[in-house]
Amino acid sequence: METYPERHAISQAKWHLAQSCMARLGFTVAMPVSIPSTAYDEADMARRYGVMDPALARTYGYHVPGIINGAPPPSQAPMSSAEQLALVGPEAGRPGAAPSAAARQVNGKTVPAGGCMGQAMTRLHANFDTSLPGVLDMQSLPRAQAEPQVQAVIKAWSACMAGKGYSVDSPFHANSLAPSSSSPSPNAQEIQVATADVGCKAKTNLAKVWFDAESVIQQQQIEQNNLALDTLRKNINAVVKAAASVAG
């Protein structure tokens, strides 16, 4: 998987190149707002089996630290049809269609194939599918959940929650006991539920049992997809290197 620094570096380089291309076509576009997070993790290990940190549960409940009560990021001004054409090209939304020469013209200039964004991706050699690790990651979670030892520990966790007065069958459904989890900030009830949830996870050793089961499955996935994953990692490393040269 791409790490946050890798993804951020590639995105910045891609937009830097696209901005230059857009300027040549007569447009000024702003770099999208990017909110760096050193805790970024595509597998979301901190919450993979639900909220697990007692201190965070006592403070944030089921809310995500860093965005609680936070102002939403500034919205980007909507693009005109001409700007969209320049950015993504006339091929966007029309797979297989061959745009006419006239369709490629904007402000009297020719839009590159795939638009300025497509040109940036080509310049960075980033036109490849990076979804395989995420797909495997999404598959391993429910597969591990179906394992007998994980089913047993989930039942033990559910029984623990029942002992605290909460009827819930899965850690993924615990936040439904706290309606404020969809509000801008947690209330006392949400904090209470989340704290009980985390306490029962610790008491039953849920995270460790589930993680161990999932690790076995993911190791099998790695062995079965070794060549594709190895190739993908080399490609990502090459794009990160190319992105660094653009930034430099």
Protein backbone atom coordinates (compact mmCIF):
# COMPACT_ATOMS: atom_id res chain seq x y z
CA MET A 1 0.00 0.00 0.00
CA GLU A 2 1.03 3.60 -0.54
CA THR A 3 1.91 5.33 2.70
CA TYR A 4 0.48 8.77 3.39
CA PRO A 5 3.79 10.55 2.59
CA GLU A 6 4.00 8.65 -0.70
CA ARG A 7 0.40 9.40 -1.65
CA HIS A 8 0.78 13.05 -0.65
CA ALA A 9 4.03 13.48 -2.63
CA ILE A 10 2.50 11.93 -5.74
CA SER A 11 -0.64 14.06 -5.44
CA GLN A 12 1.35 17.26 -5.01
CA ALA A 13 3.56 16.49 -8.02
CA LYS A 14 0.55 15.51 -10.13
CA TRP A 15 -1.24 18.78 -9.37
CA HIS A 16 1.93 20.83 -9.85
CA LEU A 17 2.29 19.41 -13.37
CA ALA A 18 -1.44 19.79 -14.06
CA GLN A 19 -1.39 23.42 -12.93
CA SER A 20 1.40 24.22 -15.40
CA CYS A 21 -0.51 22.51 -18.19
CA MET A 22 -3.74 24.32 -17.28
CA ALA A 23 -1.89 27.64 -17.33
CA ARG A 24 -0.72 26.92 -20.88
CA LEU A 25 -4.36 26.42 -21.82
CA GLY A 26 -5.35 29.70 -20.20
CA PHE A 27 -6.66 28.56 -16.80
CA THR A 28 -5.57 29.13 -13.22
CA VAL A 29 -6.56 26.33 -10.86
CA ALA A 30 -5.94 26.03 -7.13
CA MET A 31 -4.14 23.09 -5.62
CA PRO A 32 -6.75 20.94 -3.79
CA VAL A 33 -6.69 21.24 -0.03
CA SER A 34 -4.65 18.41 1.46
CA ILE A 35 -4.71 17.67 5.17
CA PRO A 36 -1.52 15.81 6.14
CA SER A 37 -1.88 13.11 8.75
CA THR A 38 1.12 11.27 10.13
CA ALA A 39 -1.34 8.67 11.42
CA TYR A 40 -2.73 7.92 7.95
CA ASP A 41 -2.97 4.21 7.31
CA GLU A 42 -5.03 2.81 4.46
CA ALA A 43 -5.74 -0.36 6.45
CA ASP A 44 -6.96 1.84 9.35
CA MET A 45 -5.27 -0.42 11.89
CA ALA A 46 -6.09 1.91 14.80
CA ARG A 47 -9.80 1.22 14.20
CA ARG A 48 -9.71 -1.94 12.14
CA TYR A 49 -11.69 -3.86 14.75
CA GLY A 50 -13.49 -0.81 16.07
CA VAL A 51 -12.28 1.76 18.60
CA MET A 52 -9.49 0.23 20.69
CA ASP A 53 -7.64 3.06 22.49
CA PRO A 54 -9.04 3.70 26.02
CA ALA A 55 -7.78 7.29 26.18
CA LEU A 56 -9.28 8.15 22.80
CA ALA A 57 -12.57 6.46 23.72
CA ARG A 58 -12.78 8.52 26.93
CA THR A 59 -12.18 11.73 24.98
CA TYR A 60 -13.68 11.22 21.54
CA GLY A 61 -16.04 8.27 21.84
CA TYR A 62 -16.46 6.96 18.31
CA HIS A 63 -15.41 10.24 16.70
CA VAL A 64 -12.14 10.56 14.81
CA PRO A 65 -9.54 12.73 16.57
CA GLY A 66 -8.49 15.76 14.56
CA ILE A 67 -11.81 16.47 12.90
CA ILE A 68 -14.06 16.68 15.95
CA ASN A 69 -15.62 20.13 16.11
CA GLY A 70 -13.31 21.07 13.24
CA ALA A 71 -14.30 23.38 10.44
CA PRO A 72 -14.75 21.59 7.13
CA PRO A 73 -11.92 22.12 4.65
CA PRO A 74 -12.43 25.03 2.29
CA SER A 75 -14.50 24.00 -0.70
CA GLN A 76 -13.08 24.36 -4.17
CA ALA A 77 -14.88 26.66 -6.58
CA PRO A 78 -16.78 24.59 -9.15
CA MET A 79 -15.00 24.27 -12.47
CA SER A 80 -16.48 25.48 -15.72
CA SER A 81 -17.07 22.96 -18.51
CA ALA A 82 -14.04 24.37 -20.33
CA GLU A 83 -11.84 23.92 -17.25
CA GLN A 84 -13.09 20.36 -16.78
CA LEU A 85 -12.34 19.62 -20.42
CA ALA A 86 -8.82 20.96 -19.99
CA LEU A 87 -8.22 19.07 -16.75
CA VAL A 88 -9.51 15.60 -17.62
CA GLY A 89 -9.88 15.70 -21.41
CA PRO A 90 -12.86 14.95 -23.64
CA GLU A 91 -12.38 11.21 -23.05
CA ALA A 92 -13.64 11.47 -19.45
CA GLY A 93 -16.90 9.63 -19.01
CA ARG A 94 -16.76 8.37 -22.61
CA PRO A 95 -14.68 5.16 -22.55
CA GLY A 96 -13.83 3.94 -26.01
CA ALA A 97 -15.04 7.10 -27.72
CA ALA A 98 -12.59 8.89 -30.01
CA PRO A 99 -13.05 12.65 -29.55
CA SER A 100 -12.88 14.83 -32.62
CA ALA A 101 -10.13 17.38 -33.13
CA ALA A 102 -12.65 20.13 -32.42
CA ALA A 103 -13.61 18.48 -29.12
CA ARG A 104 -9.97 18.68 -28.06
CA GLN A 105 -9.79 22.44 -28.51
CA VAL A 106 -10.08 24.91 -25.65
CA ASN A 107 -9.12 28.56 -25.90
CA GLY A 108 -7.77 27.77 -29.34
CA LYS A 109 -5.31 25.21 -27.97
CA THR A 110 -5.25 21.42 -28.08
CA VAL A 111 -5.99 19.55 -24.85
CA PRO A 112 -3.60 16.61 -24.32
CA ALA A 113 -4.94 13.07 -24.17
CA GLY A 114 -6.55 12.57 -20.79
CA GLY A 115 -6.40 16.30 -20.17
CA CYS A 116 -3.79 17.99 -18.04
CA MET A 117 -4.27 15.40 -15.32
CA GLY A 118 -3.72 12.56 -17.77
CA GLN A 119 -0.59 14.24 -19.04
CA ALA A 120 0.67 14.61 -15.46
CA MET A 121 0.03 10.94 -14.75
CA THR A 122 1.94 9.97 -17.90
CA ARG A 123 4.83 12.26 -16.98
CA LEU A 124 5.05 10.56 -13.57
CA HIS A 125 4.62 7.08 -15.12
CA ALA A 126 1.71 6.64 -12.72
CA ASN A 127 -0.81 5.09 -15.10
CA PHE A 128 -1.15 1.75 -13.34
CA ASP A 129 -3.67 0.17 -11.01
CA THR A 130 -2.74 0.47 -7.32
CA SER A 131 -5.88 -1.17 -5.94
CA LEU A 132 -4.65 -4.75 -5.37
CA PRO A 133 -3.37 -4.32 -1.77
CA GLY A 134 -6.57 -2.54 -0.79
CA VAL A 135 -8.72 -5.22 -2.38
CA LEU A 136 -6.83 -7.98 -0.55
CA ASP A 137 -7.04 -5.97 2.66
CA MET A 138 -10.81 -5.63 2.32
CA GLN A 139 -11.14 -9.36 1.66
CA SER A 140 -9.05 -10.48 4.62
CA LEU A 141 -11.14 -8.71 7.26
CA PRO A 142 -14.44 -10.59 6.75
CA ARG A 143 -12.57 -13.83 6.02
CA ALA A 144 -10.86 -13.56 9.40
CA GLN A 145 -14.15 -12.60 11.04
CA ALA A 146 -15.63 -15.90 9.87
CA GLU A 147 -12.88 -17.94 11.57
CA PRO A 148 -14.17 -19.95 14.59
CA GLN A 149 -11.76 -18.34 17.07
CA VAL A 150 -12.81 -14.85 15.96
CA GLN A 151 -16.50 -15.72 16.12
CA ALA A 152 -15.91 -17.01 19.65
CA VAL A 153 -14.13 -13.86 20.80
CA ILE A 154 -16.81 -11.64 19.26
CA LYS A 155 -19.43 -13.59 21.23
CA ALA A 156 -17.36 -13.15 24.37
CA TRP A 157 -17.11 -9.42 23.69
CA SER A 158 -20.89 -9.25 23.09
CA ALA A 159 -21.51 -11.04 26.40
CA CYS A 160 -19.20 -8.60 28.15
CA MET A 161 -21.14 -5.69 26.65
CA ALA A 162 -24.42 -7.31 27.77
CA GLY A 163 -23.02 -7.42 31.28
CA LYS A 164 -22.61 -3.65 31.07
CA GLY A 165 -26.18 -3.22 29.87
CA TYR A 166 -25.62 -3.06 26.10
CA SER A 167 -27.12 -5.46 23.58
CA VAL A 168 -24.89 -5.56 20.50
CA ASP A 169 -23.67 -8.41 18.32
CA SER A 170 -20.55 -6.93 16.69
CA PRO A 171 -17.89 -4.30 17.44
CA PHE A 172 -18.81 -2.76 14.08
CA HIS A 173 -22.33 -2.07 15.38
CA ALA A 174 -21.36 -0.65 18.77
CA ASN A 175 -21.52 2.97 17.64
CA SER A 176 -25.23 2.46 16.85
CA LEU A 177 -25.78 2.44 20.61
CA ALA A 178 -24.61 6.07 20.66
CA PRO A 179 -26.67 8.27 18.31
CA SER A 180 -24.30 11.20 18.84
CA SER A 181 -21.63 9.31 16.89
CA SER A 182 -23.02 11.00 13.77
CA SER A 183 -23.05 14.44 15.42
CA PRO A 184 -20.19 16.97 15.35
CA SER A 185 -19.03 15.94 18.81
CA PRO A 186 -19.65 13.10 21.30
CA ASN A 187 -21.99 13.33 24.26
CA ALA A 188 -21.67 11.61 27.64
CA GLN A 189 -23.65 8.58 26.47
CA GLU A 190 -21.31 8.02 23.52
CA ILE A 191 -18.25 8.28 25.76
CA GLN A 192 -19.80 5.74 28.13
CA VAL A 193 -20.57 3.25 25.36
CA ALA A 194 -17.17 3.62 23.70
CA THR A 195 -15.38 3.19 27.02
CA ALA A 196 -17.36 0.00 27.73
CA ASP A 197 -16.65 -1.22 24.20
CA VAL A 198 -12.89 -0.74 24.55
CA GLY A 199 -12.91 -2.29 28.02
CA CYS A 200 -14.64 -5.42 26.71
CA LYS A 201 -12.19 -5.66 23.82
CA ALA A 202 -9.31 -5.60 26.29
CA LYS A 203 -10.98 -8.10 28.61
CA THR A 204 -11.61 -10.62 25.81
CA ASN A 205 -8.35 -9.94 23.92
CA LEU A 206 -10.48 -9.39 20.81
CA ALA A 207 -8.00 -7.33 18.79
CA LYS A 208 -5.13 -9.80 19.24
CA VAL A 209 -7.25 -12.85 18.36
CA TRP A 210 -8.69 -11.16 15.28
CA PHE A 211 -5.33 -9.73 14.21
CA ASP A 212 -3.62 -13.11 14.49
CA ALA A 213 -6.33 -14.78 12.39
CA GLU A 214 -6.16 -12.06 9.78
CA SER A 215 -2.36 -12.17 9.66
CA VAL A 216 -2.47 -15.84 8.63
CA ILE A 217 -4.90 -15.01 5.83
CA GLN A 218 -2.91 -12.01 4.65
CA GLN A 219 0.29 -14.05 4.57
CA GLN A 220 -1.48 -16.50 2.27
CA GLN A 221 -2.65 -13.58 0.11
CA ILE A 222 0.90 -12.26 -0.11
CA GLU A 223 2.23 -15.64 -1.21
CA GLN A 224 -0.53 -16.01 -3.81
CA ASN A 225 -0.01 -12.50 -5.20
CA ASN A 226 3.70 -12.10 -4.57
CA LEU A 227 4.77 -11.14 -8.09
CA ALA A 228 1.96 -8.62 -8.61
CA LEU A 229 2.56 -7.02 -5.20
CA ASP A 230 6.31 -6.87 -5.74
CA THR A 231 5.85 -5.24 -9.15
CA LEU A 232 3.36 -2.76 -7.72
CA ARG A 233 5.75 -1.74 -4.94
CA LYS A 234 8.56 -1.17 -7.45
CA ASN A 235 6.22 0.94 -9.60
CA ILE A 236 5.13 3.02 -6.61
CA ASN A 237 8.75 3.60 -5.61
CA ALA A 238 9.51 4.79 -9.14
CA VAL A 239 6.58 7.22 -9.12
CA VAL A 240 7.60 8.60 -5.72
CA LYS A 241 11.10 9.18 -7.13
CA ALA A 242 9.65 10.93 -10.18
CA ALA A 243 7.41 13.02 -7.93
CA ALA A 244 10.43 14.13 -5.90
CA SER A 245 12.15 15.34 -9.08
CA VAL A 246 9.08 17.43 -9.93
CA ALA A 247 8.99 18.96 -6.46
CA GLY A 248 12.71 19.61 -6.60
